[in-house]
Amino acid sequence: YLVLDWNWRDQKLRRMADIPEIKLD
């Protein structure tokens, strides 16, 4: 099972997939 913390947003309301460095990794 691979679970992605997809819907959580940081203080700038960015998801994990919205941050370029994290998306690349």
PDB file of all heavy atoms in Angstrom:
ATOM      1  N   TYR A   1       0.845  -1.200   0.000  1.00  0.00           N
ATOM      2  CA  TYR A   1       0.000   0.000   0.000  1.00  0.00           C
ATOM      3  C   TYR A   1       0.882   1.253   0.000  1.00  0.00           C
ATOM      4  O   TYR A   1       1.778   1.392   0.840  1.00  0.00           O
ATOM      5  CB  TYR A   1      -0.909   0.030   1.231  1.00  0.00           C
ATOM      6  CG  TYR A   1      -1.840  -1.148   1.332  1.00  0.00           C
ATOM      7  CD1 TYR A   1      -1.563  -2.191   2.236  1.00  0.00           C
ATOM      8  CD2 TYR A   1      -2.981  -1.237   0.542  1.00  0.00           C
ATOM      9  CE1 TYR A   1      -2.413  -3.273   2.340  1.00  0.00           C
ATOM     10  CE2 TYR A   1      -3.840  -2.334   0.640  1.00  0.00           C
ATOM     11  CZ  TYR A   1      -3.540  -3.341   1.529  1.00  0.00           C
ATOM     12  OH  TYR A   1      -4.381  -4.432   1.627  1.00  0.00           O
ATOM     13  N   LEU A   2       0.610   2.126  -0.941  1.00  0.00           N
ATOM     14  CA  LEU A   2       1.255   3.444  -0.992  1.00  0.00           C
ATOM     15  C   LEU A   2       0.168   4.499  -0.804  1.00  0.00           C
ATOM     16  O   LEU A   2      -0.710   4.665  -1.656  1.00  0.00           O
ATOM     17  CB  LEU A   2       1.960   3.657  -2.334  1.00  0.00           C
ATOM     18  CG  LEU A   2       2.589   5.046  -2.548  1.00  0.00           C
ATOM     19  CD1 LEU A   2       3.798   5.245  -1.636  1.00  0.00           C
ATOM     20  CD2 LEU A   2       3.001   5.247  -4.001  1.00  0.00           C
ATOM     21  N   VAL A   3       0.237   5.198   0.326  1.00  0.00           N
ATOM     22  CA  VAL A   3      -0.770   6.225   0.650  1.00  0.00           C
ATOM     23  C   VAL A   3      -0.108   7.599   0.526  1.00  0.00           C
ATOM     24  O   VAL A   3       0.927   7.857   1.156  1.00  0.00           O
ATOM     25  CB  VAL A   3      -1.335   6.017   2.065  1.00  0.00           C
ATOM     26  CG1 VAL A   3      -2.308   7.150   2.418  1.00  0.00           C
ATOM     27  CG2 VAL A   3      -2.046   4.668   2.157  1.00  0.00           C
ATOM     28  N   LEU A   4      -0.717   8.447  -0.269  1.00  0.00           N
ATOM     29  CA  LEU A   4      -0.195   9.801  -0.498  1.00  0.00           C
ATOM     30  C   LEU A   4      -1.005  10.806   0.311  1.00  0.00           C
ATOM     31  O   LEU A   4      -2.237  10.793   0.277  1.00  0.00           O
ATOM     32  CB  LEU A   4      -0.269  10.148  -1.988  1.00  0.00           C
ATOM     33  CG  LEU A   4       0.370   9.156  -2.959  1.00  0.00           C
ATOM     34  CD1 LEU A   4       0.117   9.596  -4.392  1.00  0.00           C
ATOM     35  CD2 LEU A   4       1.854   9.008  -2.699  1.00  0.00           C
ATOM     36  N   ASP A   5      -0.299  11.677   1.011  1.00  0.00           N
ATOM     37  CA  ASP A   5      -0.948  12.744   1.791  1.00  0.00           C
ATOM     38  C   ASP A   5      -1.348  13.863   0.821  1.00  0.00           C
ATOM     39  O   ASP A   5      -0.839  14.981   0.864  1.00  0.00           O
ATOM     40  CB  ASP A   5       0.022  13.238   2.862  1.00  0.00           C
ATOM     41  CG  ASP A   5      -0.638  14.170   3.861  1.00  0.00           C
ATOM     42  OD1 ASP A   5      -1.869  14.056   4.043  1.00  0.00           O
ATOM     43  OD2 ASP A   5       0.066  15.009   4.433  1.00  0.00           O
ATOM     44  N   TRP A   6      -2.288  13.544  -0.047  1.00  0.00           N
ATOM     45  CA  TRP A   6      -2.598  14.360  -1.222  1.00  0.00           C
ATOM     46  C   TRP A   6      -3.358  15.645  -0.889  1.00  0.00           C
ATOM     47  O   TRP A   6      -3.087  16.708  -1.460  1.00  0.00           O
ATOM     48  CB  TRP A   6      -3.408  13.518  -2.204  1.00  0.00           C
ATOM     49  CG  TRP A   6      -3.608  14.157  -3.547  1.00  0.00           C
ATOM     50  CD1 TRP A   6      -4.659  14.924  -3.942  1.00  0.00           C
ATOM     51  CD2 TRP A   6      -2.725  14.088  -4.664  1.00  0.00           C
ATOM     52  NE1 TRP A   6      -4.491  15.339  -5.232  1.00  0.00           N
ATOM     53  CE2 TRP A   6      -3.304  14.832  -5.707  1.00  0.00           C
ATOM     54  CE3 TRP A   6      -1.500  13.463  -4.898  1.00  0.00           C
ATOM     55  CZ2 TRP A   6      -2.695  14.969  -6.947  1.00  0.00           C
ATOM     56  CZ3 TRP A   6      -0.912  13.600  -6.135  1.00  0.00           C
ATOM     57  CH2 TRP A   6      -1.509  14.352  -7.144  1.00  0.00           C
ATOM     58  N   ASN A   7      -4.333  15.565  -0.009  1.00  0.00           N
ATOM     59  CA  ASN A   7      -5.246  16.693   0.228  1.00  0.00           C
ATOM     60  C   ASN A   7      -4.753  17.689   1.270  1.00  0.00           C
ATOM     61  O   ASN A   7      -5.341  18.771   1.398  1.00  0.00           O
ATOM     62  CB  ASN A   7      -6.619  16.161   0.660  1.00  0.00           C
ATOM     63  CG  ASN A   7      -7.277  15.335  -0.425  1.00  0.00           C
ATOM     64  OD1 ASN A   7      -7.432  15.785  -1.550  1.00  0.00           O
ATOM     65  ND2 ASN A   7      -7.652  14.100  -0.096  1.00  0.00           N
ATOM     66  N   TRP A   8      -3.720  17.344   2.005  1.00  0.00           N
ATOM     67  CA  TRP A   8      -3.234  18.265   3.035  1.00  0.00           C
ATOM     68  C   TRP A   8      -2.533  19.454   2.399  1.00  0.00           C
ATOM     69  O   TRP A   8      -1.811  19.317   1.418  1.00  0.00           O
ATOM     70  CB  TRP A   8      -2.277  17.549   3.983  1.00  0.00           C
ATOM     71  CG  TRP A   8      -1.815  18.405   5.119  1.00  0.00           C
ATOM     72  CD1 TRP A   8      -2.486  18.678   6.269  1.00  0.00           C
ATOM     73  CD2 TRP A   8      -0.579  19.120   5.197  1.00  0.00           C
ATOM     74  NE1 TRP A   8      -1.751  19.516   7.072  1.00  0.00           N
ATOM     75  CE2 TRP A   8      -0.566  19.808   6.430  1.00  0.00           C
ATOM     76  CE3 TRP A   8       0.523  19.255   4.343  1.00  0.00           C
ATOM     77  CZ2 TRP A   8       0.493  20.599   6.838  1.00  0.00           C
ATOM     78  CZ3 TRP A   8       1.588  20.064   4.739  1.00  0.00           C
ATOM     79  CH2 TRP A   8       1.564  20.724   5.981  1.00  0.00           C
ATOM     80  N   ARG A   9      -2.724  20.644   2.985  1.00  0.00           N
ATOM     81  CA  ARG A   9      -2.129  21.877   2.458  1.00  0.00           C
ATOM     82  C   ARG A   9      -1.341  22.581   3.548  1.00  0.00           C
ATOM     83  O   ARG A   9      -1.733  22.563   4.718  1.00  0.00           O
ATOM     84  CB  ARG A   9      -3.210  22.808   1.906  1.00  0.00           C
ATOM     85  CG  ARG A   9      -4.003  22.189   0.752  1.00  0.00           C
ATOM     86  CD  ARG A   9      -5.057  23.145   0.232  1.00  0.00           C
ATOM     87  NE  ARG A   9      -5.883  22.509  -0.777  1.00  0.00           N
ATOM     88  CZ  ARG A   9      -5.579  22.432  -2.067  1.00  0.00           C
ATOM     89  NH1 ARG A   9      -4.465  22.972  -2.508  1.00  0.00           N
ATOM     90  NH2 ARG A   9      -6.387  21.828  -2.918  1.00  0.00           N
ATOM     91  N   ASP A  10      -0.262  23.216   3.152  1.00  0.00           N
ATOM     92  CA  ASP A  10       0.575  23.941   4.113  1.00  0.00           C
ATOM     93  C   ASP A  10       0.021  25.340   4.350  1.00  0.00           C
ATOM     94  O   ASP A  10      -1.119  25.647   3.957  1.00  0.00           O
ATOM     95  CB  ASP A  10       2.027  23.980   3.617  1.00  0.00           C
ATOM     96  CG  ASP A  10       2.166  24.693   2.274  1.00  0.00           C
ATOM     97  OD1 ASP A  10       1.163  25.249   1.787  1.00  0.00           O
ATOM     98  OD2 ASP A  10       3.280  24.696   1.706  1.00  0.00           O
ATOM     99  N   GLN A  11       0.819  26.210   4.969  1.00  0.00           N
ATOM    100  CA  GLN A  11       0.351  27.567   5.291  1.00  0.00           C
ATOM    101  C   GLN A  11       0.032  28.380   4.037  1.00  0.00           C
ATOM    102  O   GLN A  11      -0.800  29.280   4.070  1.00  0.00           O
ATOM    103  CB  GLN A  11       1.417  28.301   6.110  1.00  0.00           C
ATOM    104  CG  GLN A  11       1.594  27.724   7.509  1.00  0.00           C
ATOM    105  CD  GLN A  11       2.658  28.456   8.304  1.00  0.00           C
ATOM    106  OE1 GLN A  11       3.401  29.270   7.753  1.00  0.00           O
ATOM    107  NE2 GLN A  11       2.754  28.169   9.585  1.00  0.00           N
ATOM    108  N   LYS A  12       0.715  28.071   2.928  1.00  0.00           N
ATOM    109  CA  LYS A  12       0.453  28.759   1.663  1.00  0.00           C
ATOM    110  C   LYS A  12      -0.604  28.043   0.829  1.00  0.00           C
ATOM    111  O   LYS A  12      -0.759  28.341  -0.357  1.00  0.00           O
ATOM    112  CB  LYS A  12       1.750  28.862   0.861  1.00  0.00           C
ATOM    113  CG  LYS A  12       2.797  29.733   1.523  1.00  0.00           C
ATOM    114  CD  LYS A  12       4.045  29.821   0.672  1.00  0.00           C
ATOM    115  CE  LYS A  12       5.096  30.697   1.329  1.00  0.00           C
ATOM    116  NZ  LYS A  12       6.337  30.778   0.509  1.00  0.00           N
ATOM    117  N   LEU A  13      -1.300  27.107   1.459  1.00  0.00           N
ATOM    118  CA  LEU A  13      -2.381  26.343   0.815  1.00  0.00           C
ATOM    119  C   LEU A  13      -1.885  25.498  -0.358  1.00  0.00           C
ATOM    120  O   LEU A  13      -2.621  25.224  -1.301  1.00  0.00           O
ATOM    121  CB  LEU A  13      -3.506  27.277   0.349  1.00  0.00           C
ATOM    122  CG  LEU A  13      -4.181  28.118   1.435  1.00  0.00           C
ATOM    123  CD1 LEU A  13      -5.221  29.041   0.825  1.00  0.00           C
ATOM    124  CD2 LEU A  13      -4.819  27.256   2.492  1.00  0.00           C
ATOM    125  N   ARG A  14      -0.634  25.058  -0.279  1.00  0.00           N
ATOM    126  CA  ARG A  14      -0.068  24.213  -1.330  1.00  0.00           C
ATOM    127  C   ARG A  14      -0.155  22.742  -0.949  1.00  0.00           C
ATOM    128  O   ARG A  14       0.125  22.385   0.200  1.00  0.00           O
ATOM    129  CB  ARG A  14       1.397  24.570  -1.582  1.00  0.00           C
ATOM    130  CG  ARG A  14       1.618  25.973  -2.089  1.00  0.00           C
ATOM    131  CD  ARG A  14       3.099  26.244  -2.250  1.00  0.00           C
ATOM    132  NE  ARG A  14       3.808  26.092  -0.982  1.00  0.00           N
ATOM    133  CZ  ARG A  14       5.130  26.212  -0.852  1.00  0.00           C
ATOM    134  NH1 ARG A  14       5.877  26.476  -1.908  1.00  0.00           N
ATOM    135  NH2 ARG A  14       5.699  26.064   0.328  1.00  0.00           N
ATOM    136  N   ARG A  15      -0.534  21.933  -1.902  1.00  0.00           N
ATOM    137  CA  ARG A  15      -0.515  20.491  -1.688  1.00  0.00           C
ATOM    138  C   ARG A  15       0.890  19.945  -1.961  1.00  0.00           C
ATOM    139  O   ARG A  15       1.764  20.660  -2.426  1.00  0.00           O
ATOM    140  CB  ARG A  15      -1.518  19.803  -2.620  1.00  0.00           C
ATOM    141  CG  ARG A  15      -2.955  20.241  -2.423  1.00  0.00           C
ATOM    142  CD  ARG A  15      -3.840  19.603  -3.473  1.00  0.00           C
ATOM    143  NE  ARG A  15      -3.379  19.953  -4.818  1.00  0.00           N
ATOM    144  CZ  ARG A  15      -3.876  19.430  -5.933  1.00  0.00           C
ATOM    145  NH1 ARG A  15      -4.845  18.538  -5.883  1.00  0.00           N
ATOM    146  NH2 ARG A  15      -3.409  19.802  -7.112  1.00  0.00           N
ATOM    147  N   MET A  16       1.054  18.677  -1.684  1.00  0.00           N
ATOM    148  CA  MET A  16       2.335  18.040  -1.939  1.00  0.00           C
ATOM    149  C   MET A  16       2.718  18.130  -3.414  1.00  0.00           C
ATOM    150  O   MET A  16       3.874  18.375  -3.766  1.00  0.00           O
ATOM    151  CB  MET A  16       2.258  16.580  -1.490  1.00  0.00           C
ATOM    152  CG  MET A  16       3.528  15.786  -1.676  1.00  0.00           C
ATOM    153  SD  MET A  16       3.380  14.101  -1.063  1.00  0.00           S
ATOM    154  CE  MET A  16       2.209  13.439  -2.249  1.00  0.00           C
ATOM    155  N   ALA A  17       1.745  17.973  -4.283  1.00  0.00           N
ATOM    156  CA  ALA A  17       2.003  17.999  -5.727  1.00  0.00           C
ATOM    157  C   ALA A  17       2.194  19.413  -6.271  1.00  0.00           C
ATOM    158  O   ALA A  17       2.631  19.570  -7.415  1.00  0.00           O
ATOM    159  CB  ALA A  17       0.849  17.334  -6.470  1.00  0.00           C
ATOM    160  N   ASP A  18       1.907  20.445  -5.472  1.00  0.00           N
ATOM    161  CA  ASP A  18       2.060  21.828  -5.920  1.00  0.00           C
ATOM    162  C   ASP A  18       3.453  22.381  -5.666  1.00  0.00           C
ATOM    163  O   ASP A  18       3.808  23.432  -6.212  1.00  0.00           O
ATOM    164  CB  ASP A  18       1.039  22.728  -5.221  1.00  0.00           C
ATOM    165  CG  ASP A  18      -0.390  22.342  -5.566  1.00  0.00           C
ATOM    166  OD1 ASP A  18      -0.617  21.891  -6.698  1.00  0.00           O
ATOM    167  OD2 ASP A  18      -1.268  22.463  -4.690  1.00  0.00           O
ATOM    168  N   ILE A  19       4.254  21.712  -4.842  1.00  0.00           N
ATOM    169  CA  ILE A  19       5.608  22.174  -4.516  1.00  0.00           C
ATOM    170  C   ILE A  19       6.577  21.522  -5.502  1.00  0.00           C
ATOM    171  O   ILE A  19       6.678  20.296  -5.547  1.00  0.00           O
ATOM    172  CB  ILE A  19       5.972  21.820  -3.061  1.00  0.00           C
ATOM    173  CG1 ILE A  19       4.939  22.431  -2.103  1.00  0.00           C
ATOM    174  CG2 ILE A  19       7.366  22.312  -2.717  1.00  0.00           C
ATOM    175  CD1 ILE A  19       5.023  21.934  -0.689  1.00  0.00           C
ATOM    176  N   PRO A  20       7.288  22.300  -6.317  1.00  0.00           N
ATOM    177  CA  PRO A  20       8.105  21.727  -7.401  1.00  0.00           C
ATOM    178  C   PRO A  20       9.136  20.697  -6.937  1.00  0.00           C
ATOM    179  O   PRO A  20       9.293  19.647  -7.554  1.00  0.00           O
ATOM    180  CB  PRO A  20       8.789  22.952  -8.015  1.00  0.00           C
ATOM    181  CG  PRO A  20       7.916  24.100  -7.654  1.00  0.00           C
ATOM    182  CD  PRO A  20       7.318  23.775  -6.333  1.00  0.00           C
ATOM    183  N   GLU A  21       9.862  20.986  -5.828  1.00  0.00           N
ATOM    184  CA  GLU A  21      10.916  20.071  -5.386  1.00  0.00           C
ATOM    185  C   GLU A  21      10.330  18.729  -4.952  1.00  0.00           C
ATOM    186  O   GLU A  21      10.864  17.659  -5.297  1.00  0.00           O
ATOM    187  CB  GLU A  21      11.702  20.683  -4.218  1.00  0.00           C
ATOM    188  CG  GLU A  21      12.294  22.062  -4.499  1.00  0.00           C
ATOM    189  CD  GLU A  21      11.323  23.186  -4.238  1.00  0.00           C
ATOM    190  OE1 GLU A  21      10.445  23.028  -3.371  1.00  0.00           O
ATOM    191  OE2 GLU A  21      11.435  24.223  -4.918  1.00  0.00           O
ATOM    192  N   ILE A  22       9.225  18.792  -4.215  1.00  0.00           N
ATOM    193  CA  ILE A  22       8.608  17.565  -3.719  1.00  0.00           C
ATOM    194  C   ILE A  22       7.981  16.788  -4.875  1.00  0.00           C
ATOM    195  O   ILE A  22       8.044  15.553  -4.915  1.00  0.00           O
ATOM    196  CB  ILE A  22       7.565  17.899  -2.632  1.00  0.00           C
ATOM    197  CG1 ILE A  22       8.286  18.509  -1.418  1.00  0.00           C
ATOM    198  CG2 ILE A  22       6.783  16.660  -2.217  1.00  0.00           C
ATOM    199  CD1 ILE A  22       7.392  19.119  -0.397  1.00  0.00           C
ATOM    200  N   LYS A  23       7.401  17.498  -5.820  1.00  0.00           N
ATOM    201  CA  LYS A  23       6.812  16.828  -6.985  1.00  0.00           C
ATOM    202  C   LYS A  23       7.887  16.087  -7.783  1.00  0.00           C
ATOM    203  O   LYS A  23       7.662  14.954  -8.234  1.00  0.00           O
ATOM    204  CB  LYS A  23       6.107  17.860  -7.870  1.00  0.00           C
ATOM    205  CG  LYS A  23       5.411  17.245  -9.073  1.00  0.00           C
ATOM    206  CD  LYS A  23       4.591  18.277  -9.824  1.00  0.00           C
ATOM    207  CE  LYS A  23       5.441  19.239 -10.578  1.00  0.00           C
ATOM    208  NZ  LYS A  23       4.655  20.154 -11.451  1.00  0.00           N
ATOM    209  N   LEU A  24       9.051  16.700  -7.940  1.00  0.00           N
ATOM    210  CA  LEU A  24      10.150  16.059  -8.664  1.00  0.00           C
ATOM    211  C   LEU A  24      10.606  14.785  -7.956  1.00  0.00           C
ATOM    212  O   LEU A  24      10.790  13.731  -8.589  1.00  0.00           O
ATOM    213  CB  LEU A  24      11.310  17.048  -8.792  1.00  0.00           C
ATOM    214  CG  LEU A  24      12.553  16.567  -9.540  1.00  0.00           C
ATOM    215  CD1 LEU A  24      12.227  16.282 -10.991  1.00  0.00           C
ATOM    216  CD2 LEU A  24      13.666  17.603  -9.430  1.00  0.00           C
ATOM    217  N   ASP A  25      10.781  14.864  -6.625  1.00  0.00           N
ATOM    218  CA  ASP A  25      11.195  13.683  -5.857  1.00  0.00           C
ATOM    219  C   ASP A  25      10.119  12.595  -5.886  1.00  0.00           C
ATOM    220  O   ASP A  25      10.433  11.404  -5.908  1.00  0.00           O
ATOM    221  CB  ASP A  25      11.501  14.087  -4.410  1.00  0.00           C
ATOM    222  CG  ASP A  25      12.721  14.987  -4.310  1.00  0.00           C
ATOM    223  OD1 ASP A  25      13.629  14.856  -5.143  1.00  0.00           O
ATOM    224  OD2 ASP A  25      12.751  15.839  -3.396  1.00  0.00           O
TER     225      ASP A  25
END
